[in-house]
């Protein structure tokens, strides 16, 4: 637990003090183009620096290293990074780099279009297939892999074997879906930052519980143990992300001094998908990320309705802009959406711990 706490606090401090430096550097270089959706209040945000994801991604990576240093007094030797750390941080950084390219093109072209959809899709597929392959084809000495060849809810479902290739394809689909869902959610000051922090708190709790009841530990060989790989590593990264996001939120909350940009939202979405795979809770992801599912579903309904009938079901899309046009204040929308994110996390954790109580015979 020491490494998780040290990692979270380190990430918070680094992000809190690194973000204003990023604001100063990016202020006259990356002014955010604002899409005109008929909401006048958004126009005052024009020129706010973007690409703020660089602050919390950097803070997380640095805190990960510090968290490993904190393990030395306990183990008496350096604790080297694992394949799990490589996969999760690789997803975070590579997703952020793809978002950086999108943000850079938006700034260079002075419009909100950015990277063409087909190229963004290709980039997400490459990231998903690449890291999915590492997650499935490189087992630990105990035989555990980051991903699973079975569909998972809280544990592997024995009769839903999809094989390594199927698991890699599922991994890529999760990267596509989750990264785009978080990207859609990033439309109001602090909305995506707070919502993803709440979701990563769930993965912190799940991963640490799995570490305390890990099948690799000879004292935890009951039917309720978890056959996952490096759960403490997952908890460390989840804690570092939460700390980094809270530090960033200090500057990103309304009125935002900086936006996370696609660099932040795509990186967070890729990492969230990776967390669901690493904790073997893939089918629980839509519950923990219920807010992101809701916003994505609304966008799909709006798009299909307009393309097929020429009519819009909602005033605007994504969903938070619909409520803005209905007269809700930005702060009200953000807080209520954070509450919805919390409800999804509570339900997800309820399912997770109920399964543990069932399998442990409580």
Protein backbone atom coordinates (compact mmCIF):
# COMPACT_ATOMS: atom_id res chain seq x y z
CA UNK A 1 0.00 0.00 0.00
CA UNK A 2 2.97 2.31 0.63
CA UNK A 3 3.89 2.47 -3.05
CA UNK A 4 0.29 3.26 -4.06
CA UNK A 5 0.01 6.14 -1.56
CA UNK A 6 3.45 7.50 -2.48
CA UNK A 7 2.62 7.26 -6.19
CA UNK A 8 -0.73 9.05 -5.79
CA UNK A 9 0.70 11.87 -3.67
CA UNK A 10 3.70 12.29 -5.97
CA UNK A 11 1.49 12.47 -9.05
CA UNK A 12 -0.79 15.01 -7.35
CA UNK A 13 2.08 17.32 -6.41
CA UNK A 14 3.79 17.06 -9.80
CA UNK A 15 0.56 17.67 -11.70
CA UNK A 16 -0.48 20.55 -9.42
CA UNK A 17 2.77 22.43 -10.00
CA UNK A 18 3.54 21.25 -13.55
CA UNK A 19 0.17 22.32 -14.97
CA UNK A 20 0.68 26.09 -14.46
CA UNK A 21 4.07 25.76 -16.18
CA UNK A 22 2.31 24.05 -19.06
CA UNK A 23 -0.27 26.86 -19.13
CA UNK A 24 2.45 29.49 -19.48
CA UNK A 25 4.26 27.56 -22.19
CA UNK A 26 1.14 26.66 -24.19
CA UNK A 27 -0.83 29.91 -23.77
CA UNK A 28 0.34 31.57 -26.99
CA UNK A 29 1.04 28.35 -28.86
CA UNK A 30 -2.03 26.14 -28.54
CA UNK A 31 -5.16 28.24 -28.25
CA UNK A 32 -8.15 25.88 -28.42
CA UNK A 33 -10.41 26.35 -31.49
CA UNK A 34 -14.05 26.31 -30.32
CA UNK A 35 -16.75 24.58 -32.36
CA UNK A 36 -19.74 26.85 -32.89
CA UNK A 37 -22.77 25.03 -31.48
CA UNK A 38 -24.85 28.10 -30.74
CA UNK A 39 -23.81 28.50 -27.10
CA UNK A 40 -22.40 32.00 -26.62
CA UNK A 41 -20.77 31.16 -23.28
CA UNK A 42 -18.35 28.86 -25.09
CA UNK A 43 -16.87 31.66 -27.15
CA UNK A 44 -15.12 33.15 -24.09
CA UNK A 45 -13.10 29.92 -23.96
CA UNK A 46 -11.56 30.58 -27.35
CA UNK A 47 -7.79 30.72 -27.06
CA UNK A 48 -7.57 28.75 -23.80
CA UNK A 49 -4.44 26.58 -24.05
CA UNK A 50 -5.01 22.91 -24.83
CA UNK A 51 -2.83 19.77 -24.76
CA UNK A 52 -2.98 19.87 -20.95
CA UNK A 53 -2.88 16.09 -20.96
CA UNK A 54 0.89 16.39 -21.13
CA UNK A 55 0.88 17.49 -17.46
CA UNK A 56 -1.00 14.56 -15.94
CA UNK A 57 0.49 11.96 -18.30
CA UNK A 58 3.99 13.12 -17.34
CA UNK A 59 3.03 13.23 -13.65
CA UNK A 60 1.71 9.65 -13.79
CA UNK A 61 4.84 8.27 -15.47
CA UNK A 62 7.14 10.03 -12.99
CA UNK A 63 5.01 8.94 -10.02
CA UNK A 64 5.15 5.34 -11.26
CA UNK A 65 8.94 5.47 -10.98
CA UNK A 66 8.78 7.01 -7.52
CA UNK A 67 6.29 4.34 -6.43
CA UNK A 68 8.77 1.66 -7.44
CA UNK A 69 11.49 3.37 -5.41
CA UNK A 70 9.15 3.25 -2.39
CA UNK A 71 9.10 -0.56 -2.68
CA UNK A 72 12.88 -0.90 -2.17
CA UNK A 73 12.79 -0.72 1.67
CA UNK A 74 10.15 -3.48 1.67
CA UNK A 75 11.83 -5.83 -0.80
CA UNK A 76 15.47 -4.89 -0.22
CA UNK A 77 16.12 -4.57 -3.95
CA UNK A 78 15.01 -2.45 -6.89
CA UNK A 79 11.53 -3.36 -8.09
CA UNK A 80 11.78 -3.39 -11.88
CA UNK A 81 8.87 -2.34 -14.13
CA UNK A 82 6.69 -5.20 -15.33
CA UNK A 83 4.97 -6.11 -18.58
CA UNK A 84 1.75 -4.90 -16.95
CA UNK A 85 3.30 -1.49 -16.32
CA UNK A 86 4.60 -1.41 -19.89
CA UNK A 87 1.17 -2.17 -21.31
CA UNK A 88 -0.78 0.30 -19.16
CA UNK A 89 1.66 3.21 -19.33
CA UNK A 90 2.29 2.44 -23.00
CA UNK A 91 -1.43 2.76 -23.69
CA UNK A 92 -1.54 6.03 -21.75
CA UNK A 93 1.45 7.56 -23.53
CA UNK A 94 0.66 6.28 -27.04
CA UNK A 95 -2.98 7.31 -26.76
CA UNK A 96 -1.75 10.71 -25.61
CA UNK A 97 0.63 10.97 -28.57
CA UNK A 98 -2.21 10.20 -30.98
CA UNK A 99 -4.28 12.90 -29.28
CA UNK A 100 -1.30 15.28 -29.43
CA UNK A 101 -1.23 14.91 -33.23
CA UNK A 102 -4.97 15.63 -33.34
CA UNK A 103 -4.59 18.71 -31.11
CA UNK A 104 -1.58 19.96 -33.07
CA UNK A 105 -3.49 19.82 -36.36
CA UNK A 106 -6.44 21.66 -34.80
CA UNK A 107 -4.15 24.44 -33.63
CA UNK A 108 -2.16 24.58 -36.87
CA UNK A 109 -5.29 24.70 -39.02
CA UNK A 110 -7.15 27.04 -36.63
CA UNK A 111 -10.28 24.86 -36.67
CA UNK A 112 -11.82 22.08 -34.58
CA UNK A 113 -11.56 19.31 -37.21
CA UNK A 114 -8.11 17.98 -36.34
CA UNK A 115 -6.92 14.58 -37.49
CA UNK A 116 -9.13 12.91 -40.11
CA UNK A 117 -11.37 10.25 -38.62
CA UNK A 118 -9.91 7.37 -40.65
CA UNK A 119 -6.37 8.18 -39.48
CA UNK A 120 -7.46 8.48 -35.86
CA UNK A 121 -9.25 5.15 -36.19
CA UNK A 122 -6.14 3.56 -37.71
CA UNK A 123 -3.98 4.92 -34.87
CA UNK A 124 -6.34 3.52 -32.24
CA UNK A 125 -6.36 0.12 -33.95
CA UNK A 126 -2.56 0.01 -34.10
CA UNK A 127 -2.36 0.88 -30.40
CA UNK A 128 -5.00 -1.69 -29.48
CA UNK A 129 -3.57 -4.55 -31.53
CA UNK A 130 0.03 -3.77 -30.54
CA UNK A 131 -0.50 -3.64 -26.80
CA UNK A 132 -3.17 -6.33 -26.94
CA UNK A 133 -0.59 -8.69 -28.40
CA UNK A 134 1.84 -7.91 -25.58
CA UNK A 135 -0.96 -8.39 -23.04
CA UNK A 136 -1.83 -11.88 -24.33
CA UNK A 137 1.44 -13.36 -25.56
CA UNK A 138 3.89 -12.57 -22.73
CA UNK A 139 3.04 -14.53 -19.57
CA UNK A 140 4.66 -14.08 -16.18
CA UNK A 141 6.75 -16.87 -14.59
CA UNK A 142 3.57 -17.95 -12.78
CA UNK A 143 1.78 -18.25 -16.13
CA UNK A 144 -0.44 -15.14 -15.74
CA UNK A 145 -0.97 -12.73 -18.65
CA UNK A 146 -2.17 -9.14 -18.54
CA UNK A 147 -5.23 -10.06 -20.60
CA UNK A 148 -7.40 -13.16 -20.58
CA UNK A 149 -8.44 -15.59 -23.31
CA UNK A 150 -11.93 -15.62 -21.78
CA UNK A 151 -14.59 -12.97 -21.52
CA UNK A 152 -14.50 -11.57 -18.02
CA UNK A 153 -16.96 -9.82 -15.74
CA UNK A 154 -15.35 -10.06 -12.32
CA UNK A 155 -13.60 -13.31 -13.14
CA UNK A 156 -13.13 -15.39 -16.26
CA UNK A 157 -16.30 -16.97 -17.65
CA UNK A 158 -15.16 -20.54 -18.27
CA UNK A 159 -17.55 -21.26 -21.15
CA UNK A 160 -16.74 -18.05 -23.06
CA UNK A 161 -13.28 -18.87 -24.39
CA UNK A 162 -12.35 -16.55 -27.28
CA UNK A 163 -8.66 -17.41 -27.67
CA UNK A 164 -5.66 -15.15 -27.98
CA UNK A 165 -6.60 -13.68 -31.37
CA UNK A 166 -10.15 -12.98 -30.23
CA UNK A 167 -8.83 -11.36 -27.05
CA UNK A 168 -6.49 -9.09 -29.02
CA UNK A 169 -9.36 -8.03 -31.27
CA UNK A 170 -11.54 -7.40 -28.21
CA UNK A 171 -8.71 -5.35 -26.70
CA UNK A 172 -8.57 -3.20 -29.85
CA UNK A 173 -12.36 -2.75 -29.79
CA UNK A 174 -12.20 -1.62 -26.16
CA UNK A 175 -9.49 0.92 -27.03
CA UNK A 176 -11.64 2.29 -29.85
CA UNK A 177 -14.82 2.49 -27.82
CA UNK A 178 -13.46 3.82 -24.55
CA UNK A 179 -11.02 6.38 -25.97
CA UNK A 180 -13.71 7.87 -28.20
CA UNK A 181 -16.25 7.84 -25.34
CA UNK A 182 -13.93 9.80 -23.04
CA UNK A 183 -13.15 12.13 -25.94
CA UNK A 184 -16.86 12.86 -26.39
CA UNK A 185 -17.21 13.57 -22.66
CA UNK A 186 -14.47 16.21 -22.73
CA UNK A 187 -16.63 19.22 -23.56
CA UNK A 188 -17.08 21.22 -20.35
CA UNK A 189 -14.59 22.53 -17.80
CA UNK A 190 -13.57 19.68 -15.50
CA UNK A 191 -16.18 17.22 -16.78
CA UNK A 192 -13.89 14.55 -18.26
CA UNK A 193 -11.18 15.15 -15.65
CA UNK A 194 -13.46 14.55 -12.67
CA UNK A 195 -15.41 11.71 -14.29
CA UNK A 196 -12.31 9.73 -15.25
CA UNK A 197 -10.77 10.30 -11.80
CA UNK A 198 -13.88 8.74 -10.26
CA UNK A 199 -13.65 5.76 -12.63
CA UNK A 200 -9.96 5.20 -11.88
CA UNK A 201 -10.74 5.21 -8.17
CA UNK A 202 -12.82 2.11 -8.87
CA UNK A 203 -9.89 0.40 -10.60
CA UNK A 204 -7.63 1.39 -7.72
CA UNK A 205 -9.98 -0.34 -5.27
CA UNK A 206 -10.40 -3.41 -7.50
CA UNK A 207 -6.69 -3.85 -8.22
CA UNK A 208 -5.63 -3.43 -4.61
CA UNK A 209 -8.27 -5.94 -3.46
CA UNK A 210 -7.00 -8.37 -6.08
CA UNK A 211 -3.48 -7.86 -4.77
CA UNK A 212 -4.63 -8.70 -1.24
CA UNK A 213 -6.31 -11.89 -2.59
CA UNK A 214 -3.88 -12.83 -5.36
CA UNK A 215 -3.50 -16.42 -6.50
CA UNK A 216 0.27 -15.93 -6.91
CA UNK A 217 0.45 -15.52 -3.12
CA UNK A 218 0.73 -18.97 -1.54
CA UNK A 219 -1.44 -17.81 1.36
CA UNK A 220 -4.35 -17.00 -0.99
CA UNK A 221 -5.04 -20.23 -2.87
CA UNK A 222 -8.76 -20.40 -2.13
CA UNK A 223 -11.43 -20.30 -4.83
CA UNK A 224 -11.89 -16.59 -4.16
CA UNK A 225 -8.33 -15.61 -5.17
CA UNK A 226 -7.73 -13.69 -8.41
CA UNK A 227 -5.54 -15.17 -11.21
CA UNK A 228 -4.44 -11.78 -12.54
CA UNK A 229 -0.99 -10.40 -13.31
CA UNK A 230 0.77 -7.76 -11.19
CA UNK A 231 -2.30 -6.32 -9.39
CA UNK A 232 -0.14 -4.05 -7.20
CA UNK A 233 1.28 -2.55 -10.39
CA UNK A 234 -2.23 -1.85 -11.63
CA UNK A 235 -3.18 -0.26 -8.29
CA UNK A 236 -0.03 1.90 -8.36
CA UNK A 237 -0.82 3.25 -11.82
CA UNK A 238 -4.50 3.78 -11.00
CA UNK A 239 -3.56 5.69 -7.83
CA UNK A 240 -1.03 7.80 -9.72
CA UNK A 241 -3.60 8.69 -12.38
CA UNK A 242 -6.15 9.72 -9.76
CA UNK A 243 -3.59 11.92 -8.01
CA UNK A 244 -2.47 13.47 -11.30
CA UNK A 245 -6.05 14.18 -12.38
CA UNK A 246 -6.94 15.82 -9.07
CA UNK A 247 -3.87 18.06 -9.39
CA UNK A 248 -4.85 18.92 -12.96
CA UNK A 249 -8.47 19.56 -11.96
CA UNK A 250 -7.29 22.44 -9.75
CA UNK A 251 -6.56 24.33 -12.99
CA UNK A 252 -9.10 22.66 -15.28
CA UNK A 253 -12.24 23.32 -13.26
CA UNK A 254 -14.49 26.21 -14.29
CA UNK A 255 -13.29 28.64 -15.48
CA UNK A 256 -10.63 26.39 -16.97
CA UNK A 257 -7.14 27.81 -17.35
CA UNK A 258 -6.21 24.85 -19.59
CA UNK A 259 -7.97 22.03 -21.44
CA UNK A 260 -6.75 18.44 -21.46
CA UNK A 261 -7.33 18.25 -25.22
CA UNK A 262 -7.48 15.04 -27.21
CA UNK A 263 -4.01 14.32 -25.85
CA UNK A 264 -5.56 13.85 -22.43
CA UNK A 265 -8.90 12.30 -23.35
CA UNK A 266 -7.57 9.69 -25.78
CA UNK A 267 -4.79 8.76 -23.36
CA UNK A 268 -7.24 8.36 -20.48
CA UNK A 269 -9.65 6.33 -22.59
CA UNK A 270 -6.92 3.94 -23.73
CA UNK A 271 -5.70 3.51 -20.15
CA UNK A 272 -9.21 2.88 -18.83
CA UNK A 273 -9.72 0.12 -21.38
CA UNK A 274 -6.35 -1.34 -20.38
CA UNK A 275 -7.35 -1.29 -16.71
CA UNK A 276 -10.48 -3.31 -17.44
CA UNK A 277 -8.39 -5.92 -19.26
CA UNK A 278 -5.64 -6.06 -16.62
CA UNK A 279 -8.15 -6.52 -13.77
CA UNK A 280 -10.17 -9.08 -15.80
CA UNK A 281 -13.32 -6.98 -15.48
CA UNK A 282 -13.98 -6.26 -19.15
CA UNK A 283 -17.76 -6.67 -19.02
CA UNK A 284 -17.86 -4.47 -15.91
CA UNK A 285 -16.33 -1.55 -17.85
CA UNK A 286 -19.71 -0.28 -19.20
CA UNK A 287 -21.00 -0.14 -15.60
CA UNK A 288 -17.96 1.62 -14.12
CA UNK A 289 -17.93 3.92 -17.15
CA UNK A 290 -21.72 4.31 -17.28
CA UNK A 291 -21.50 8.08 -17.85
CA UNK A 292 -19.29 7.59 -20.90
CA UNK A 293 -21.65 4.93 -22.25
CA UNK A 294 -24.64 7.25 -21.79
CA UNK A 295 -22.95 10.15 -23.61
CA UNK A 296 -21.83 7.89 -26.46
CA UNK A 297 -25.29 6.33 -26.79
CA UNK A 298 -26.88 9.77 -26.99
CA UNK A 299 -24.44 10.75 -29.73
CA UNK A 300 -25.30 7.63 -31.72
CA UNK A 301 -29.06 8.21 -31.35
CA UNK A 302 -28.67 11.82 -32.48
CA UNK A 303 -26.55 10.87 -35.48
CA UNK A 304 -28.78 8.00 -36.64
CA UNK A 305 -31.95 10.07 -36.22
CA UNK A 306 -30.57 13.00 -38.20
CA UNK A 307 -29.18 10.81 -41.00
CA UNK A 308 -32.37 8.74 -41.38
CA UNK A 309 -35.13 11.27 -40.71
CA UNK A 310 -33.42 14.67 -40.91
CA UNK A 311 -34.61 15.40 -37.36
CA UNK A 312 -32.65 15.72 -34.12
CA UNK A 313 -33.89 14.00 -30.97
CA UNK A 314 -31.85 16.29 -28.70
CA UNK A 315 -31.08 19.99 -28.87
CA UNK A 316 -27.39 19.26 -29.33
CA UNK A 317 -24.80 16.54 -28.99
CA UNK A 318 -22.93 15.33 -26.93
CA UNK A 319 -25.42 15.17 -24.07
CA UNK A 320 -23.87 17.90 -21.90
CA UNK A 321 -24.40 20.44 -24.68
CA UNK A 322 -28.08 19.43 -24.86
CA UNK A 323 -28.50 20.45 -21.22
CA UNK A 324 -26.57 23.67 -21.80
CA UNK A 325 -29.03 24.62 -24.53
CA UNK A 326 -31.86 23.70 -22.16
CA UNK A 327 -30.61 26.41 -19.80
CA UNK A 328 -28.55 24.47 -17.26
CA UNK A 329 -25.41 26.19 -16.04
CA UNK A 330 -22.05 24.58 -16.83
CA UNK A 331 -21.25 23.99 -13.16
CA UNK A 332 -24.62 22.28 -12.59
CA UNK A 333 -24.11 19.92 -15.53
CA UNK A 334 -20.58 19.01 -14.48
CA UNK A 335 -21.50 18.27 -10.86
CA UNK A 336 -24.56 16.22 -11.81
CA UNK A 337 -22.58 14.26 -14.38
CA UNK A 338 -19.91 13.58 -11.75
CA UNK A 339 -22.71 12.20 -9.57
CA UNK A 340 -23.82 9.94 -12.43
CA UNK A 341 -20.22 8.77 -12.82
CA UNK A 342 -20.17 8.01 -9.09
CA UNK A 343 -23.38 5.98 -9.33
CA UNK A 344 -21.86 3.85 -12.10
CA UNK A 345 -18.70 3.29 -10.05
CA UNK A 346 -20.74 2.37 -6.96
CA UNK A 347 -22.74 -0.19 -8.95
CA UNK A 348 -19.59 -1.63 -10.50
CA UNK A 349 -17.86 -1.99 -7.14
CA UNK A 350 -21.01 -3.49 -5.69
CA UNK A 351 -20.99 -6.22 -8.36
CA UNK A 352 -17.27 -6.84 -7.83
CA UNK A 353 -17.39 -7.21 -4.05
CA UNK A 354 -20.67 -9.16 -4.13
CA UNK A 355 -18.90 -11.75 -6.27
CA UNK A 356 -16.07 -11.97 -3.75
CA UNK A 357 -18.52 -12.53 -0.91
CA UNK A 358 -20.23 -15.24 -2.93
CA UNK A 359 -17.07 -17.11 -3.89
CA UNK A 360 -15.51 -16.81 -0.44
CA UNK A 361 -18.61 -18.27 1.21
CA UNK A 362 -19.56 -15.23 3.28
